[in-house]
Each structure stands twice: as structure tokens, then as C-alpha cells.
mmCIF file of all heavy atoms, coordinates in Angstrom:
data_MODEL
# 
_entry.id   MODEL 
# 
loop_
_atom_site.group_PDB 
_atom_site.id 
_atom_site.type_symbol 
_atom_site.label_atom_id 
_atom_site.label_alt_id 
_atom_site.label_comp_id 
_atom_site.label_asym_id 
_atom_site.label_entity_id 
_atom_site.label_seq_id 
_atom_site.pdbx_PDB_ins_code 
_atom_site.Cartn_x 
_atom_site.Cartn_y 
_atom_site.Cartn_z 
_atom_site.occupancy 
_atom_site.B_iso_or_equiv 
_atom_site.pdbx_formal_charge 
_atom_site.auth_seq_id 
_atom_site.auth_comp_id 
_atom_site.auth_asym_id 
_atom_site.auth_atom_id 
_atom_site.pdbx_PDB_model_num 
ATOM 1   N N   . ASP A 1 1  ? 78.281 198.618 -11.858 1.00 0.00 ? 1  ASP A N   1 
ATOM 2   C CA  . ASP A 1 1  ? 77.737 198.981 -13.252 1.00 0.00 ? 1  ASP A CA  1 
ATOM 3   C C   . ASP A 1 1  ? 76.528 198.187 -13.521 1.00 0.00 ? 1  ASP A C   1 
ATOM 4   O O   . ASP A 1 1  ? 75.532 198.616 -14.006 1.00 0.00 ? 1  ASP A O   1 
ATOM 5   C CB  . ASP A 1 1  ? 78.879 198.829 -14.262 1.00 0.00 ? 1  ASP A CB  1 
ATOM 6   C CG  . ASP A 1 1  ? 80.044 199.942 -14.090 1.00 0.00 ? 1  ASP A CG  1 
ATOM 7   O OD1 . ASP A 1 1  ? 79.645 200.996 -13.358 1.00 0.00 ? 1  ASP A OD1 1 
ATOM 8   O OD2 . ASP A 1 1  ? 81.024 199.617 -14.577 1.00 0.00 ? 1  ASP A OD2 1 
ATOM 9   N N   . ALA A 1 2  ? 76.639 196.763 -13.272 1.00 0.00 ? 2  ALA A N   1 
ATOM 10  C CA  . ALA A 1 2  ? 75.476 195.858 -13.565 1.00 0.00 ? 2  ALA A CA  1 
ATOM 11  C C   . ALA A 1 2  ? 74.280 196.277 -12.732 1.00 0.00 ? 2  ALA A C   1 
ATOM 12  O O   . ALA A 1 2  ? 73.202 196.329 -13.160 1.00 0.00 ? 2  ALA A O   1 
ATOM 13  C CB  . ALA A 1 2  ? 75.929 194.458 -13.272 1.00 0.00 ? 2  ALA A CB  1 
ATOM 14  N N   . ALA A 1 3  ? 74.555 196.592 -11.416 1.00 0.00 ? 3  ALA A N   1 
ATOM 15  C CA  . ALA A 1 3  ? 73.500 197.001 -10.579 1.00 0.00 ? 3  ALA A CA  1 
ATOM 16  C C   . ALA A 1 3  ? 72.785 198.315 -11.066 1.00 0.00 ? 3  ALA A C   1 
ATOM 17  O O   . ALA A 1 3  ? 71.564 198.500 -11.024 1.00 0.00 ? 3  ALA A O   1 
ATOM 18  C CB  . ALA A 1 3  ? 73.950 197.119 -9.086  1.00 0.00 ? 3  ALA A CB  1 
ATOM 19  N N   . ALA A 1 4  ? 73.716 199.179 -11.384 1.00 0.00 ? 4  ALA A N   1 
ATOM 20  C CA  . ALA A 1 4  ? 73.148 200.461 -11.985 1.00 0.00 ? 4  ALA A CA  1 
ATOM 21  C C   . ALA A 1 4  ? 72.310 200.260 -13.258 1.00 0.00 ? 4  ALA A C   1 
ATOM 22  O O   . ALA A 1 4  ? 71.281 200.878 -13.395 1.00 0.00 ? 4  ALA A O   1 
ATOM 23  C CB  . ALA A 1 4  ? 74.228 201.354 -12.169 1.00 0.00 ? 4  ALA A CB  1 
ATOM 24  N N   . SER A 1 5  ? 72.874 199.398 -14.095 1.00 0.00 ? 5  SER A N   1 
ATOM 25  C CA  . SER A 1 5  ? 72.153 199.099 -15.377 1.00 0.00 ? 5  SER A CA  1 
ATOM 26  C C   . SER A 1 5  ? 70.804 198.422 -15.038 1.00 0.00 ? 5  SER A C   1 
ATOM 27  O O   . SER A 1 5  ? 69.693 198.749 -15.682 1.00 0.00 ? 5  SER A O   1 
ATOM 28  C CB  . SER A 1 5  ? 73.023 198.191 -16.256 1.00 0.00 ? 5  SER A CB  1 
ATOM 29  O OG  . SER A 1 5  ? 72.362 197.826 -17.411 1.00 0.00 ? 5  SER A OG  1 
ATOM 30  N N   . ASP A 1 6  ? 70.818 197.484 -14.190 1.00 0.00 ? 6  ASP A N   1 
ATOM 31  C CA  . ASP A 1 6  ? 69.504 196.825 -13.754 1.00 0.00 ? 6  ASP A CA  1 
ATOM 32  C C   . ASP A 1 6  ? 68.541 197.814 -13.270 1.00 0.00 ? 6  ASP A C   1 
ATOM 33  O O   . ASP A 1 6  ? 67.415 197.603 -13.587 1.00 0.00 ? 6  ASP A O   1 
ATOM 34  C CB  . ASP A 1 6  ? 69.821 195.646 -12.685 1.00 0.00 ? 6  ASP A CB  1 
ATOM 35  C CG  . ASP A 1 6  ? 70.561 194.521 -13.365 1.00 0.00 ? 6  ASP A CG  1 
ATOM 36  O OD1 . ASP A 1 6  ? 70.595 194.463 -14.622 1.00 0.00 ? 6  ASP A OD1 1 
ATOM 37  O OD2 . ASP A 1 6  ? 71.156 193.765 -12.543 1.00 0.00 ? 6  ASP A OD2 1 
ATOM 38  N N   . GLN A 1 7  ? 69.058 198.737 -12.335 1.00 0.00 ? 7  GLN A N   1 
ATOM 39  C CA  . GLN A 1 7  ? 68.256 199.813 -11.677 1.00 0.00 ? 7  GLN A CA  1 
ATOM 40  C C   . GLN A 1 7  ? 67.604 200.603 -12.815 1.00 0.00 ? 7  GLN A C   1 
ATOM 41  O O   . GLN A 1 7  ? 66.452 200.983 -12.820 1.00 0.00 ? 7  GLN A O   1 
ATOM 42  C CB  . GLN A 1 7  ? 68.849 200.536 -10.757 1.00 0.00 ? 7  GLN A CB  1 
ATOM 43  C CG  . GLN A 1 7  ? 68.065 201.531 -10.044 1.00 0.00 ? 7  GLN A CG  1 
ATOM 44  C CD  . GLN A 1 7  ? 66.980 200.968 -9.252  1.00 0.00 ? 7  GLN A CD  1 
ATOM 45  O OE1 . GLN A 1 7  ? 67.115 199.823 -8.588  1.00 0.00 ? 7  GLN A OE1 1 
ATOM 46  N NE2 . GLN A 1 7  ? 65.750 201.453 -9.227  1.00 0.00 ? 7  GLN A NE2 1 
ATOM 47  N N   . LYS A 1 8  ? 68.517 200.981 -13.820 1.00 0.00 ? 8  LYS A N   1 
ATOM 48  C CA  . LYS A 1 8  ? 68.002 201.984 -14.895 1.00 0.00 ? 8  LYS A CA  1 
ATOM 49  C C   . LYS A 1 8  ? 66.994 201.157 -15.720 1.00 0.00 ? 8  LYS A C   1 
ATOM 50  O O   . LYS A 1 8  ? 66.074 201.893 -16.196 1.00 0.00 ? 8  LYS A O   1 
ATOM 51  C CB  . LYS A 1 8  ? 69.343 202.220 -15.532 1.00 0.00 ? 8  LYS A CB  1 
ATOM 52  C CG  . LYS A 1 8  ? 68.980 203.314 -16.853 1.00 0.00 ? 8  LYS A CG  1 
ATOM 53  C CD  . LYS A 1 8  ? 70.230 203.770 -17.446 1.00 0.00 ? 8  LYS A CD  1 
ATOM 54  C CE  . LYS A 1 8  ? 69.938 204.921 -18.490 1.00 0.00 ? 8  LYS A CE  1 
ATOM 55  N NZ  . LYS A 1 8  ? 71.155 205.253 -19.214 1.00 0.00 ? 8  LYS A NZ  1 
ATOM 56  N N   . ARG A 1 9  ? 67.241 199.840 -15.926 1.00 0.00 ? 9  ARG A N   1 
ATOM 57  C CA  . ARG A 1 9  ? 66.238 199.179 -16.813 1.00 0.00 ? 9  ARG A CA  1 
ATOM 58  C C   . ARG A 1 9  ? 64.919 199.135 -16.000 1.00 0.00 ? 9  ARG A C   1 
ATOM 59  O O   . ARG A 1 9  ? 63.870 199.204 -16.658 1.00 0.00 ? 9  ARG A O   1 
ATOM 60  C CB  . ARG A 1 9  ? 66.766 197.837 -17.222 1.00 0.00 ? 9  ARG A CB  1 
ATOM 61  C CG  . ARG A 1 9  ? 65.963 197.026 -18.119 1.00 0.00 ? 9  ARG A CG  1 
ATOM 62  C CD  . ARG A 1 9  ? 66.676 195.857 -18.703 1.00 0.00 ? 9  ARG A CD  1 
ATOM 63  N NE  . ARG A 1 9  ? 67.180 194.972 -17.749 1.00 0.00 ? 9  ARG A NE  1 
ATOM 64  C CZ  . ARG A 1 9  ? 68.510 194.861 -17.405 1.00 0.00 ? 9  ARG A CZ  1 
ATOM 65  N NH1 . ARG A 1 9  ? 69.323 195.562 -18.102 1.00 0.00 ? 9  ARG A NH1 1 
ATOM 66  N NH2 . ARG A 1 9  ? 68.980 194.080 -16.529 1.00 0.00 ? 9  ARG A NH2 1 
ATOM 67  N N   . ALA A 1 10 ? 64.943 198.782 -14.765 1.00 0.00 ? 10 ALA A N   1 
ATOM 68  C CA  . ALA A 1 10 ? 63.689 198.670 -14.003 1.00 0.00 ? 10 ALA A CA  1 
ATOM 69  C C   . ALA A 1 10 ? 62.995 200.022 -13.982 1.00 0.00 ? 10 ALA A C   1 
ATOM 70  O O   . ALA A 1 10 ? 61.756 200.076 -14.104 1.00 0.00 ? 10 ALA A O   1 
ATOM 71  C CB  . ALA A 1 10 ? 64.025 198.331 -12.508 1.00 0.00 ? 10 ALA A CB  1 
ATOM 72  N N   . ASP A 1 11 ? 63.802 201.148 -13.777 1.00 0.00 ? 11 ASP A N   1 
ATOM 73  C CA  . ASP A 1 11 ? 63.050 202.481 -13.766 1.00 0.00 ? 11 ASP A CA  1 
ATOM 74  C C   . ASP A 1 11 ? 62.332 202.757 -15.061 1.00 0.00 ? 11 ASP A C   1 
ATOM 75  O O   . ASP A 1 11 ? 61.352 203.348 -15.188 1.00 0.00 ? 11 ASP A O   1 
ATOM 76  C CB  . ASP A 1 11 ? 64.090 203.496 -13.334 1.00 0.00 ? 11 ASP A CB  1 
ATOM 77  C CG  . ASP A 1 11 ? 64.546 203.370 -11.909 1.00 0.00 ? 11 ASP A CG  1 
ATOM 78  O OD1 . ASP A 1 11 ? 63.915 202.783 -11.126 1.00 0.00 ? 11 ASP A OD1 1 
ATOM 79  O OD2 . ASP A 1 11 ? 65.580 204.010 -11.645 1.00 0.00 ? 11 ASP A OD2 1 
ATOM 80  N N   . SER A 1 12 ? 63.106 202.405 -16.151 1.00 0.00 ? 12 SER A N   1 
ATOM 81  C CA  . SER A 1 12 ? 62.601 202.683 -17.520 1.00 0.00 ? 12 SER A CA  1 
ATOM 82  C C   . SER A 1 12 ? 61.269 201.875 -17.748 1.00 0.00 ? 12 SER A C   1 
ATOM 83  O O   . SER A 1 12 ? 60.368 202.208 -18.296 1.00 0.00 ? 12 SER A O   1 
ATOM 84  C CB  . SER A 1 12 ? 63.590 202.272 -18.505 1.00 0.00 ? 12 SER A CB  1 
ATOM 85  O OG  . SER A 1 12 ? 63.151 202.451 -19.913 1.00 0.00 ? 12 SER A OG  1 
ATOM 86  N N   . GLU A 1 13 ? 61.360 200.524 -17.291 1.00 0.00 ? 13 GLU A N   1 
ATOM 87  C CA  . GLU A 1 13 ? 60.090 199.707 -17.418 1.00 0.00 ? 13 GLU A CA  1 
ATOM 88  C C   . GLU A 1 13 ? 59.001 200.402 -16.598 1.00 0.00 ? 13 GLU A C   1 
ATOM 89  O O   . GLU A 1 13 ? 57.697 200.316 -17.010 1.00 0.00 ? 13 GLU A O   1 
ATOM 90  C CB  . GLU A 1 13 ? 60.309 198.271 -17.023 1.00 0.00 ? 13 GLU A CB  1 
ATOM 91  C CG  . GLU A 1 13 ? 61.361 197.603 -18.035 1.00 0.00 ? 13 GLU A CG  1 
ATOM 92  C CD  . GLU A 1 13 ? 61.573 196.231 -17.527 1.00 0.00 ? 13 GLU A CD  1 
ATOM 93  O OE1 . GLU A 1 13 ? 61.204 195.782 -16.332 1.00 0.00 ? 13 GLU A OE1 1 
ATOM 94  O OE2 . GLU A 1 13 ? 62.342 195.443 -18.155 1.00 0.00 ? 13 GLU A OE2 1 
ATOM 95  N N   . ALA A 1 14 ? 59.165 200.726 -15.449 1.00 0.00 ? 14 ALA A N   1 
ATOM 96  C CA  . ALA A 1 14 ? 58.186 201.223 -14.533 1.00 0.00 ? 14 ALA A CA  1 
ATOM 97  C C   . ALA A 1 14 ? 57.583 202.541 -15.061 1.00 0.00 ? 14 ALA A C   1 
ATOM 98  O O   . ALA A 1 14 ? 56.369 202.765 -15.151 1.00 0.00 ? 14 ALA A O   1 
ATOM 99  C CB  . ALA A 1 14 ? 58.747 201.663 -13.138 1.00 0.00 ? 14 ALA A CB  1 
ATOM 100 N N   . THR A 1 15 ? 58.464 203.456 -15.730 1.00 0.00 ? 15 THR A N   1 
ATOM 101 C CA  . THR A 1 15 ? 57.960 204.583 -16.349 1.00 0.00 ? 15 THR A CA  1 
ATOM 102 C C   . THR A 1 15 ? 57.203 204.339 -17.579 1.00 0.00 ? 15 THR A C   1 
ATOM 103 O O   . THR A 1 15 ? 56.100 204.938 -17.821 1.00 0.00 ? 15 THR A O   1 
ATOM 104 C CB  . THR A 1 15 ? 59.202 205.541 -16.839 1.00 0.00 ? 15 THR A CB  1 
ATOM 105 O OG1 . THR A 1 15 ? 59.966 205.802 -15.667 1.00 0.00 ? 15 THR A OG1 1 
ATOM 106 C CG2 . THR A 1 15 ? 58.763 206.774 -17.596 1.00 0.00 ? 15 THR A CG2 1 
ATOM 107 N N   . THR A 1 16 ? 57.570 203.295 -18.415 1.00 0.00 ? 16 THR A N   1 
ATOM 108 C CA  . THR A 1 16 ? 56.853 202.985 -19.603 1.00 0.00 ? 16 THR A CA  1 
ATOM 109 C C   . THR A 1 16 ? 55.449 202.433 -19.203 1.00 0.00 ? 16 THR A C   1 
ATOM 110 O O   . THR A 1 16 ? 54.437 202.713 -19.790 1.00 0.00 ? 16 THR A O   1 
ATOM 111 C CB  . THR A 1 16 ? 57.535 202.029 -20.327 1.00 0.00 ? 16 THR A CB  1 
ATOM 112 O OG1 . THR A 1 16 ? 58.923 202.353 -20.679 1.00 0.00 ? 16 THR A OG1 1 
ATOM 113 C CG2 . THR A 1 16 ? 56.781 201.561 -21.571 1.00 0.00 ? 16 THR A CG2 1 
ATOM 114 N N   . SER A 1 17 ? 55.401 201.567 -18.079 1.00 0.00 ? 17 SER A N   1 
ATOM 115 C CA  . SER A 1 17 ? 54.160 201.008 -17.692 1.00 0.00 ? 17 SER A CA  1 
ATOM 116 C C   . SER A 1 17 ? 53.276 202.037 -17.148 1.00 0.00 ? 17 SER A C   1 
ATOM 117 O O   . SER A 1 17 ? 51.974 201.960 -17.257 1.00 0.00 ? 17 SER A O   1 
ATOM 118 C CB  . SER A 1 17 ? 54.354 199.871 -16.567 1.00 0.00 ? 17 SER A CB  1 
ATOM 119 O OG  . SER A 1 17 ? 54.971 200.397 -15.535 1.00 0.00 ? 17 SER A OG  1 
ATOM 120 N N   . SER A 1 18 ? 53.816 203.069 -16.428 1.00 0.00 ? 18 SER A N   1 
ATOM 121 C CA  . SER A 1 18 ? 52.888 203.933 -15.874 1.00 0.00 ? 18 SER A CA  1 
ATOM 122 C C   . SER A 1 18 ? 52.298 205.067 -16.872 1.00 0.00 ? 18 SER A C   1 
ATOM 123 O O   . SER A 1 18 ? 51.355 205.569 -16.713 1.00 0.00 ? 18 SER A O   1 
ATOM 124 C CB  . SER A 1 18 ? 53.679 204.801 -14.755 1.00 0.00 ? 18 SER A CB  1 
ATOM 125 O OG  . SER A 1 18 ? 54.758 205.529 -15.370 1.00 0.00 ? 18 SER A OG  1 
ATOM 126 N N   . SER A 1 19 ? 53.153 205.085 -18.001 1.00 0.00 ? 19 SER A N   1 
ATOM 127 C CA  . SER A 1 19 ? 52.706 206.146 -19.046 1.00 0.00 ? 19 SER A CA  1 
ATOM 128 C C   . SER A 1 19 ? 51.642 205.524 -19.866 1.00 0.00 ? 19 SER A C   1 
ATOM 129 O O   . SER A 1 19 ? 51.157 206.203 -20.809 1.00 0.00 ? 19 SER A O   1 
ATOM 130 C CB  . SER A 1 19 ? 53.986 206.600 -19.796 1.00 0.00 ? 19 SER A CB  1 
ATOM 131 O OG  . SER A 1 19 ? 54.490 205.474 -20.533 1.00 0.00 ? 19 SER A OG  1 
ATOM 132 N N   . LYS A 1 20 ? 51.437 204.194 -19.829 1.00 0.00 ? 20 LYS A N   1 
ATOM 133 C CA  . LYS A 1 20 ? 50.414 203.672 -20.708 1.00 0.00 ? 20 LYS A CA  1 
ATOM 134 C C   . LYS A 1 20 ? 48.999 204.076 -20.291 1.00 0.00 ? 20 LYS A C   1 
ATOM 135 O O   . LYS A 1 20 ? 48.654 204.100 -19.081 1.00 0.00 ? 20 LYS A O   1 
ATOM 136 C CB  . LYS A 1 20 ? 50.469 202.037 -20.631 1.00 0.00 ? 20 LYS A CB  1 
ATOM 137 C CG  . LYS A 1 20 ? 51.645 201.486 -21.186 1.00 0.00 ? 20 LYS A CG  1 
ATOM 138 C CD  . LYS A 1 20 ? 51.613 199.920 -21.133 1.00 0.00 ? 20 LYS A CD  1 
ATOM 139 C CE  . LYS A 1 20 ? 52.851 199.312 -21.825 1.00 0.00 ? 20 LYS A CE  1 
ATOM 140 N NZ  . LYS A 1 20 ? 52.876 197.949 -21.698 1.00 0.00 ? 20 LYS A NZ  1 
ATOM 141 N N   . PRO A 1 21 ? 48.201 204.425 -21.222 1.00 0.00 ? 21 PRO A N   1 
ATOM 142 C CA  . PRO A 1 21 ? 46.835 204.850 -20.829 1.00 0.00 ? 21 PRO A CA  1 
ATOM 143 C C   . PRO A 1 21 ? 45.985 203.817 -20.345 1.00 0.00 ? 21 PRO A C   1 
ATOM 144 O O   . PRO A 1 21 ? 46.119 202.705 -20.872 1.00 0.00 ? 21 PRO A O   1 
ATOM 145 C CB  . PRO A 1 21 ? 46.222 205.551 -22.354 1.00 0.00 ? 21 PRO A CB  1 
ATOM 146 C CG  . PRO A 1 21 ? 47.027 204.811 -23.224 1.00 0.00 ? 21 PRO A CG  1 
ATOM 147 C CD  . PRO A 1 21 ? 48.399 204.533 -22.722 1.00 0.00 ? 21 PRO A CD  1 
ATOM 148 N N   . GLU A 1 22 ? 45.105 204.163 -19.345 1.00 0.00 ? 22 GLU A N   1 
ATOM 149 C CA  . GLU A 1 22 ? 44.175 203.255 -18.757 1.00 0.00 ? 22 GLU A CA  1 
ATOM 150 C C   . GLU A 1 22 ? 43.066 202.811 -19.823 1.00 0.00 ? 22 GLU A C   1 
ATOM 151 O O   . GLU A 1 22 ? 42.773 203.702 -20.611 1.00 0.00 ? 22 GLU A O   1 
ATOM 152 C CB  . GLU A 1 22 ? 43.462 203.719 -17.514 1.00 0.00 ? 22 GLU A CB  1 
ATOM 153 C CG  . GLU A 1 22 ? 44.661 204.062 -16.372 1.00 0.00 ? 22 GLU A CG  1 
ATOM 154 C CD  . GLU A 1 22 ? 43.894 204.536 -15.155 1.00 0.00 ? 22 GLU A CD  1 
ATOM 155 O OE1 . GLU A 1 22 ? 42.688 204.755 -15.245 1.00 0.00 ? 22 GLU A OE1 1 
ATOM 156 O OE2 . GLU A 1 22 ? 44.575 204.736 -14.100 1.00 0.00 ? 22 GLU A OE2 1 
ATOM 157 N N   . PRO A 1 23 ? 42.776 201.681 -19.843 1.00 0.00 ? 23 PRO A N   1 
ATOM 158 C CA  . PRO A 1 23 ? 41.697 201.325 -20.801 1.00 0.00 ? 23 PRO A CA  1 
ATOM 159 C C   . PRO A 1 23 ? 40.312 201.943 -20.558 1.00 0.00 ? 23 PRO A C   1 
ATOM 160 O O   . PRO A 1 23 ? 39.931 202.084 -19.364 1.00 0.00 ? 23 PRO A O   1 
ATOM 161 C CB  . PRO A 1 23 ? 41.510 199.807 -20.581 1.00 0.00 ? 23 PRO A CB  1 
ATOM 162 C CG  . PRO A 1 23 ? 42.004 199.482 -19.262 1.00 0.00 ? 23 PRO A CG  1 
ATOM 163 C CD  . PRO A 1 23 ? 43.136 200.521 -19.041 1.00 0.00 ? 23 PRO A CD  1 
ATOM 164 N N   . ARG A 1 24 ? 39.717 202.641 -21.499 1.00 0.00 ? 24 ARG A N   1 
ATOM 165 C CA  . ARG A 1 24 ? 38.443 203.346 -21.418 1.00 0.00 ? 24 ARG A CA  1 
ATOM 166 C C   . ARG A 1 24 ? 37.296 202.472 -21.782 1.00 0.00 ? 24 ARG A C   1 
ATOM 167 O O   . ARG A 1 24 ? 37.424 201.583 -22.674 1.00 0.00 ? 24 ARG A O   1 
ATOM 168 C CB  . ARG A 1 24 ? 38.419 204.638 -22.130 1.00 0.00 ? 24 ARG A CB  1 
ATOM 169 C CG  . ARG A 1 24 ? 39.459 205.712 -21.664 1.00 0.00 ? 24 ARG A CG  1 
ATOM 170 C CD  . ARG A 1 24 ? 39.345 206.903 -22.580 1.00 0.00 ? 24 ARG A CD  1 
ATOM 171 N NE  . ARG A 1 24 ? 39.818 206.700 -23.910 1.00 0.00 ? 24 ARG A NE  1 
ATOM 172 C CZ  . ARG A 1 24 ? 39.833 207.611 -24.888 1.00 0.00 ? 24 ARG A CZ  1 
ATOM 173 N NH1 . ARG A 1 24 ? 39.350 208.716 -24.559 1.00 0.00 ? 24 ARG A NH1 1 
ATOM 174 N NH2 . ARG A 1 24 ? 40.160 207.312 -26.067 1.00 0.00 ? 24 ARG A NH2 1 
ATOM 175 N N   . GLU A 1 25 ? 36.066 202.864 -21.201 1.00 0.00 ? 25 GLU A N   1 
ATOM 176 C CA  . GLU A 1 25 ? 34.927 202.165 -21.602 1.00 0.00 ? 25 GLU A CA  1 
ATOM 177 C C   . GLU A 1 25 ? 34.620 202.392 -23.204 1.00 0.00 ? 25 GLU A C   1 
ATOM 178 O O   . GLU A 1 25 ? 34.781 203.464 -23.596 1.00 0.00 ? 25 GLU A O   1 
ATOM 179 C CB  . GLU A 1 25 ? 33.721 202.500 -20.783 1.00 0.00 ? 25 GLU A CB  1 
ATOM 180 C CG  . GLU A 1 25 ? 33.803 202.108 -19.220 1.00 0.00 ? 25 GLU A CG  1 
ATOM 181 C CD  . GLU A 1 25 ? 32.574 202.552 -18.566 1.00 0.00 ? 25 GLU A CD  1 
ATOM 182 O OE1 . GLU A 1 25 ? 31.683 203.078 -19.156 1.00 0.00 ? 25 GLU A OE1 1 
ATOM 183 O OE2 . GLU A 1 25 ? 32.575 202.310 -17.277 1.00 0.00 ? 25 GLU A OE2 1 
ATOM 184 N N   . GLU A 1 26 ? 34.041 201.345 -23.750 1.00 0.00 ? 26 GLU A N   1 
ATOM 185 C CA  . GLU A 1 26 ? 33.721 201.546 -25.198 1.00 0.00 ? 26 GLU A CA  1 
ATOM 186 C C   . GLU A 1 26 ? 32.553 202.487 -25.326 1.00 0.00 ? 26 GLU A C   1 
ATOM 187 O O   . GLU A 1 26 ? 31.532 202.307 -24.702 1.00 0.00 ? 26 GLU A O   1 
ATOM 188 C CB  . GLU A 1 26 ? 33.469 200.208 -25.671 1.00 0.00 ? 26 GLU A CB  1 
ATOM 189 C CG  . GLU A 1 26 ? 33.212 200.160 -27.215 1.00 0.00 ? 26 GLU A CG  1 
ATOM 190 C CD  . GLU A 1 26 ? 33.015 198.747 -27.787 1.00 0.00 ? 26 GLU A CD  1 
ATOM 191 O OE1 . GLU A 1 26 ? 33.068 197.788 -26.997 1.00 0.00 ? 26 GLU A OE1 1 
ATOM 192 O OE2 . GLU A 1 26 ? 32.746 198.650 -29.003 1.00 0.00 ? 26 GLU A OE2 1 
ATOM 193 N N   . HIS A 1 27 ? 32.643 203.457 -26.188 1.00 0.00 ? 27 HIS A N   1 
ATOM 194 C CA  . HIS A 1 27 ? 31.631 204.415 -26.555 1.00 0.00 ? 27 HIS A CA  1 
ATOM 195 C C   . HIS A 1 27 ? 30.766 204.077 -27.623 1.00 0.00 ? 27 HIS A C   1 
ATOM 196 O O   . HIS A 1 27 ? 31.209 203.714 -28.574 1.00 0.00 ? 27 HIS A O   1 
ATOM 197 C CB  . HIS A 1 27 ? 32.260 205.809 -26.788 1.00 0.00 ? 27 HIS A CB  1 
ATOM 198 C CG  . HIS A 1 27 ? 31.261 206.970 -27.046 1.00 0.00 ? 27 HIS A CG  1 
ATOM 199 N ND1 . HIS A 1 27 ? 30.471 207.444 -26.131 1.00 0.00 ? 27 HIS A ND1 1 
ATOM 200 C CD2 . HIS A 1 27 ? 31.015 207.593 -28.187 1.00 0.00 ? 27 HIS A CD2 1 
ATOM 201 C CE1 . HIS A 1 27 ? 29.718 208.399 -26.585 1.00 0.00 ? 27 HIS A CE1 1 
ATOM 202 N NE2 . HIS A 1 27 ? 29.999 208.424 -27.961 1.00 0.00 ? 27 HIS A NE2 1 
ATOM 203 N N   . ASP A 1 28 ? 29.282 204.074 -27.365 1.00 0.00 ? 28 ASP A N   1 
ATOM 204 C CA  . ASP A 1 28 ? 28.432 203.713 -28.457 1.00 0.00 ? 28 ASP A CA  1 
ATOM 205 C C   . ASP A 1 28 ? 27.668 204.900 -28.912 1.00 0.00 ? 28 ASP A C   1 
ATOM 206 O O   . ASP A 1 28 ? 26.749 205.452 -28.139 1.00 0.00 ? 28 ASP A O   1 
ATOM 207 C CB  . ASP A 1 28 ? 27.375 202.763 -27.880 1.00 0.00 ? 28 ASP A CB  1 
ATOM 208 C CG  . ASP A 1 28 ? 26.436 202.045 -29.000 1.00 0.00 ? 28 ASP A CG  1 
ATOM 209 O OD1 . ASP A 1 28 ? 26.606 202.587 -30.045 1.00 0.00 ? 28 ASP A OD1 1 
ATOM 210 O OD2 . ASP A 1 28 ? 25.722 201.264 -28.575 1.00 0.00 ? 28 ASP A OD2 1 
ATOM 211 N N   . PRO A 1 29 ? 27.931 205.534 -30.014 1.00 0.00 ? 29 PRO A N   1 
ATOM 212 C CA  . PRO A 1 29 ? 27.271 206.746 -30.540 1.00 0.00 ? 29 PRO A CA  1 
ATOM 213 C C   . PRO A 1 29 ? 25.853 206.569 -30.711 1.00 0.00 ? 29 PRO A C   1 
ATOM 214 O O   . PRO A 1 29 ? 24.979 207.399 -30.408 1.00 0.00 ? 29 PRO A O   1 
ATOM 215 C CB  . PRO A 1 29 ? 27.994 206.963 -31.827 1.00 0.00 ? 29 PRO A CB  1 
ATOM 216 C CG  . PRO A 1 29 ? 29.305 206.149 -31.836 1.00 0.00 ? 29 PRO A CG  1 
ATOM 217 C CD  . PRO A 1 29 ? 28.974 204.985 -30.937 1.00 0.00 ? 29 PRO A CD  1 
# 
């Protein structure tokens, strides 16, 4: 159960990190 929980937490962190938008260049109007 502990291993499964650790794996679930790692997958969640990986999903969260991958869903973060990449930083864009600053736009100057």
C-alpha cells in the first residue's frame, strides 16, 4: 500500500509539473 501510495503521489506530481504552461516571452505592445 505504501509503495502504491508513493507511486500515486509521484504520478500526480509528474502530471502537475507537465501541465504547467511553459514560460512565454514578454510581449511589448
